[in-house]
Amino acid sequence: MGVSEHYRHELKYGIDYAQYLPIRQRIRSIMAPDGHVGADGRYRIRSIYFDNLKDKALREKIDGVAKREKFRIRYYNDDFSYITLEKKIKDGNLCLKIDAPLTKKEYDALLAGECLWMTCHPSPLVRELYAKMKYQLLRPRVMVSYLREPYIYRAGNVRITFDSDIRTSLYHQNFLDERHDICAADVPQTMILEVKYDNFLPDVIAHLIQMDGVRQQAFSKYAVCRRFG
């Protein structure tokens, strides 16, 4: 199981395509692309989020609860050779992520509702999810999909990402079937600029993302996508 050593700062900004172009140009002058990107500098992320029957995770986000957690299953570029179960803990602008690998067989079983194997899994996170599926009635609720363009900067362990083409399953929760998804954003060209860093954000990076009309805001891809199911 992977555990972040400490909470990281996480800032989000809603931008449009016209704002994205100059910010990306400035970022590319001093930041390096993440080594996992494809030829176009991006990769596709798909996440299946869990919530209970009373939409606890969704309500806590909407109500502005400072400290909250979400479970999700995540994979990249539709490649099932690397699947992770993740628990993301938010405390204001701080974020901590705990993860554990899943096999494709475990992924299929979990989404099919066959979960007894989780009780003796070597990962504490998998066993924790099982307990919360039983006692809090957590269930897979929605698929969230988007394209990510990531950049890294070593000082401060800074990571800047542009997320676009946010899509979601449309009232469709049988995730083992063929996907049916739609655009989740009100404006198709909406992009989310995310800035993550450890203890400090270098001034040179802070200046890169400054632009008229770009303001920090709370944005949850999960909450946006839950409007559709």
Protein backbone atom coordinates (compact mmCIF):
# COMPACT_ATOMS: atom_id res chain seq x y z
CA MET A 1 0.00 0.00 0.00
CA GLY A 2 1.30 3.44 -0.88
CA VAL A 3 0.91 6.22 1.66
CA SER A 4 1.91 9.85 1.12
CA GLU A 5 4.43 10.84 3.77
CA HIS A 6 2.49 13.97 4.55
CA TYR A 7 -0.39 16.12 3.41
CA ARG A 8 0.20 18.08 0.21
CA HIS A 9 -1.31 21.40 -0.76
CA GLU A 10 -3.84 21.19 -3.58
CA LEU A 11 -5.15 24.29 -5.38
CA LYS A 12 -7.67 24.28 -8.22
CA TYR A 13 -8.54 26.87 -10.85
CA GLY A 14 -11.24 26.80 -13.52
CA ILE A 15 -9.90 28.09 -16.84
CA ASP A 16 -10.99 28.22 -20.46
CA TYR A 17 -8.98 27.32 -23.55
CA ALA A 18 -7.88 30.91 -24.18
CA GLN A 19 -6.38 31.08 -20.67
CA TYR A 20 -4.87 27.61 -20.95
CA LEU A 21 -2.68 28.40 -23.97
CA PRO A 22 -0.52 31.19 -22.46
CA ILE A 23 -0.31 29.49 -19.05
CA ARG A 24 0.86 26.26 -20.68
CA GLN A 25 3.42 28.14 -22.75
CA ARG A 26 4.91 29.71 -19.61
CA ILE A 27 4.87 26.43 -17.70
CA ARG A 28 6.69 24.60 -20.48
CA SER A 29 9.57 27.07 -20.22
CA ILE A 30 10.64 25.77 -16.78
CA MET A 31 8.65 22.61 -16.01
CA ALA A 32 9.11 19.12 -17.46
CA PRO A 33 6.31 16.87 -18.73
CA ASP A 34 5.50 13.89 -16.55
CA GLY A 35 7.32 10.80 -17.84
CA HIS A 36 4.11 8.74 -18.19
CA VAL A 37 2.45 10.85 -20.87
CA GLY A 38 1.82 9.71 -24.41
CA ALA A 39 2.96 11.32 -27.63
CA ASP A 40 0.41 14.13 -27.22
CA GLY A 41 1.62 14.92 -23.69
CA ARG A 42 -1.52 13.59 -22.01
CA TYR A 43 -3.12 10.43 -20.67
CA ARG A 44 -6.69 9.35 -19.96
CA ILE A 45 -7.71 8.76 -16.33
CA ARG A 46 -10.79 6.75 -15.40
CA SER A 47 -11.97 6.63 -11.79
CA ILE A 48 -14.90 4.79 -10.26
CA TYR A 49 -16.01 6.61 -7.10
CA PHE A 50 -17.74 5.07 -4.09
CA ASP A 51 -20.48 6.64 -1.98
CA ASN A 52 -23.20 5.36 0.30
CA LEU A 53 -26.96 5.33 -0.22
CA LYS A 54 -27.29 8.75 1.44
CA ASP A 55 -24.55 10.26 -0.76
CA LYS A 56 -22.31 11.02 2.22
CA ALA A 57 -19.23 11.95 0.16
CA LEU A 58 -21.27 14.11 -2.21
CA ARG A 59 -23.15 15.91 0.58
CA GLU A 60 -19.96 16.63 2.53
CA LYS A 61 -18.44 18.24 -0.57
CA ILE A 62 -21.51 20.34 -1.32
CA ASP A 63 -21.87 21.37 2.35
CA GLY A 64 -18.22 22.42 2.55
CA VAL A 65 -17.15 19.93 5.23
CA ALA A 66 -13.45 20.69 5.78
CA LYS A 67 -12.20 17.15 6.44
CA ARG A 68 -13.61 14.35 4.33
CA GLU A 69 -12.61 11.19 2.47
CA LYS A 70 -13.47 9.42 -0.78
CA PHE A 71 -12.68 5.95 -2.09
CA ARG A 72 -12.10 5.35 -5.79
CA ILE A 73 -10.68 2.79 -8.22
CA ARG A 74 -8.39 4.29 -10.84
CA TYR A 75 -6.68 3.17 -14.05
CA TYR A 76 -5.00 4.89 -16.98
CA ASN A 77 -5.41 4.82 -20.77
CA ASP A 78 -7.84 1.89 -20.46
CA ASP A 79 -4.90 -0.30 -19.44
CA PHE A 80 -5.99 -2.79 -16.79
CA SER A 81 -2.47 -4.00 -16.04
CA TYR A 82 -2.18 -1.22 -13.43
CA ILE A 83 -5.27 -0.61 -11.29
CA THR A 84 -5.27 1.08 -7.90
CA LEU A 85 -7.71 1.45 -5.06
CA GLU A 86 -7.30 4.90 -3.52
CA LYS A 87 -8.54 6.74 -0.48
CA LYS A 88 -8.22 10.49 -0.77
CA ILE A 89 -8.44 12.51 2.44
CA LYS A 90 -9.07 16.25 2.14
CA ASP A 91 -8.60 18.79 4.91
CA GLY A 92 -9.23 22.23 3.45
CA ASN A 93 -6.58 22.79 0.77
CA LEU A 94 -4.50 19.89 2.08
CA CYS A 95 -4.68 16.41 0.58
CA LEU A 96 -3.41 12.96 1.57
CA LYS A 97 -3.69 9.91 -0.68
CA ILE A 98 -3.41 6.25 0.32
CA ASP A 99 -3.44 3.58 -2.40
CA ALA A 100 -3.17 -0.14 -2.96
CA PRO A 101 -2.84 -2.14 -6.20
CA LEU A 102 -5.68 -4.31 -7.48
CA THR A 103 -5.51 -7.11 -10.02
CA LYS A 104 -7.97 -7.22 -12.91
CA LYS A 105 -9.58 -10.26 -11.29
CA GLU A 106 -10.05 -8.36 -8.02
CA TYR A 107 -11.37 -5.34 -9.91
CA ASP A 108 -13.94 -7.46 -11.75
CA ALA A 109 -15.02 -9.23 -8.56
CA LEU A 110 -15.41 -5.99 -6.58
CA LEU A 111 -17.55 -4.35 -9.27
CA ALA A 112 -19.62 -7.52 -9.61
CA GLY A 113 -20.41 -7.37 -5.87
CA GLU A 114 -18.27 -10.39 -4.97
CA CYS A 115 -16.33 -9.01 -2.00
CA LEU A 116 -15.54 -11.78 0.51
CA TRP A 117 -11.99 -12.02 -0.88
CA MET A 118 -11.39 -8.54 0.52
CA THR A 119 -11.58 -9.73 4.13
CA CYS A 120 -8.22 -11.52 3.90
CA HIS A 121 -6.50 -9.21 1.44
CA PRO A 122 -2.91 -8.25 2.42
CA SER A 123 -3.70 -4.53 1.98
CA PRO A 124 -5.25 -2.75 5.02
CA LEU A 125 -6.88 -0.31 2.60
CA VAL A 126 -8.76 -3.07 0.79
CA ARG A 127 -9.93 -4.49 4.12
CA GLU A 128 -11.00 -0.99 5.23
CA LEU A 129 -13.08 -0.54 2.09
CA TYR A 130 -14.74 -3.91 2.71
CA ALA A 131 -15.67 -2.85 6.25
CA LYS A 132 -17.11 0.44 5.01
CA MET A 133 -19.01 -1.32 2.22
CA LYS A 134 -20.58 -3.49 4.90
CA TYR A 135 -21.23 -0.98 7.68
CA GLN A 136 -21.54 2.31 5.77
CA LEU A 137 -23.01 0.69 2.64
CA LEU A 138 -20.43 2.21 0.32
CA ARG A 139 -21.02 1.23 -3.30
CA PRO A 140 -19.53 2.15 -6.70
CA ARG A 141 -21.59 5.16 -7.82
CA VAL A 142 -20.16 6.85 -10.91
CA MET A 143 -17.40 6.71 -13.49
CA VAL A 144 -15.39 9.92 -13.92
CA SER A 145 -13.10 10.20 -16.94
CA TYR A 146 -10.82 12.99 -18.19
CA LEU A 147 -7.64 13.79 -20.08
CA ARG A 148 -4.70 14.98 -17.97
CA GLU A 149 -1.68 16.99 -19.13
CA PRO A 150 0.88 16.94 -16.26
CA TYR A 151 4.07 18.88 -15.55
CA ILE A 152 6.56 18.58 -12.69
CA TYR A 153 9.05 20.88 -10.94
CA ARG A 154 11.50 19.40 -8.47
CA ALA A 155 11.81 22.31 -6.01
CA GLY A 156 8.83 22.06 -3.65
CA ASN A 157 7.80 18.80 -5.37
CA VAL A 158 5.38 20.79 -7.53
CA ARG A 159 2.99 19.14 -9.94
CA ILE A 160 0.75 21.14 -12.27
CA THR A 161 -1.93 19.45 -14.33
CA PHE A 162 -4.49 20.54 -16.91
CA ASP A 163 -7.60 18.33 -16.86
CA SER A 164 -10.00 18.48 -19.81
CA ASP A 165 -12.72 16.48 -21.59
CA ILE A 166 -14.39 15.57 -18.30
CA ARG A 167 -16.87 12.78 -18.96
CA THR A 168 -19.13 10.62 -16.86
CA SER A 169 -21.30 7.53 -16.97
CA LEU A 170 -24.90 8.50 -17.72
CA TYR A 171 -27.18 6.88 -15.11
CA HIS A 172 -25.07 3.80 -15.71
CA GLN A 173 -23.54 1.89 -12.82
CA ASN A 174 -22.83 -1.54 -14.30
CA PHE A 175 -19.18 -0.67 -14.87
CA LEU A 176 -18.30 -4.09 -16.30
CA ASP A 177 -20.48 -3.40 -19.33
CA GLU A 178 -19.46 -1.28 -22.30
CA ARG A 179 -19.09 2.35 -21.19
CA HIS A 180 -21.76 4.91 -21.97
CA ASP A 181 -20.47 8.35 -21.16
CA ILE A 182 -21.26 12.00 -21.84
CA CYS A 183 -19.54 15.34 -21.41
CA ALA A 184 -19.97 16.44 -17.78
CA ALA A 185 -18.90 20.08 -18.11
CA ASP A 186 -21.48 22.80 -18.82
CA VAL A 187 -19.01 24.30 -21.31
CA PRO A 188 -17.14 21.61 -23.31
CA GLN A 189 -13.85 23.58 -23.34
CA THR A 190 -13.79 23.97 -19.55
CA MET A 191 -10.44 22.94 -18.07
CA ILE A 192 -9.26 22.48 -14.50
CA LEU A 193 -5.79 23.69 -13.57
CA GLU A 194 -4.52 21.87 -10.46
CA VAL A 195 -1.40 22.83 -8.51
CA LYS A 196 -0.01 20.38 -5.95
CA TYR A 197 3.05 20.96 -3.79
CA ASP A 198 4.60 20.05 -0.43
CA ASN A 199 5.62 22.75 2.03
CA PHE A 200 6.02 25.72 -0.28
CA LEU A 201 5.13 26.91 -3.75
CA PRO A 202 8.16 28.52 -5.44
CA ASP A 203 7.56 32.14 -6.47
CA VAL A 204 8.52 31.33 -10.05
CA ILE A 205 5.67 28.80 -10.25
CA ALA A 206 3.18 31.10 -8.53
CA HIS A 207 3.93 33.79 -11.12
CA LEU A 208 3.43 31.35 -13.99
CA ILE A 209 -0.24 30.77 -13.19
CA GLN A 210 -1.17 34.40 -12.48
CA MET A 211 -3.56 35.81 -15.06
CA ASP A 212 -6.54 38.14 -15.03
CA GLY A 213 -9.72 36.17 -14.48
CA VAL A 214 -7.98 33.09 -13.06
CA ARG A 215 -9.10 32.58 -9.47
CA GLN A 216 -8.72 29.71 -7.06
CA GLN A 217 -11.99 27.83 -6.58
CA ALA A 218 -13.40 24.65 -5.13
CA PHE A 219 -14.04 22.14 -7.91
CA SER A 220 -14.92 18.47 -7.58
CA LYS A 221 -15.03 16.33 -10.71
CA TYR A 222 -16.95 13.78 -8.66
CA ALA A 223 -19.63 16.30 -7.67
CA VAL A 224 -19.93 17.60 -11.24
CA CYS A 225 -20.35 14.08 -12.60
CA ARG A 226 -22.89 13.03 -9.96
CA ARG A 227 -25.38 15.42 -11.52
CA PHE A 228 -25.93 12.69 -14.11
CA GLY A 229 -26.40 9.68 -11.87
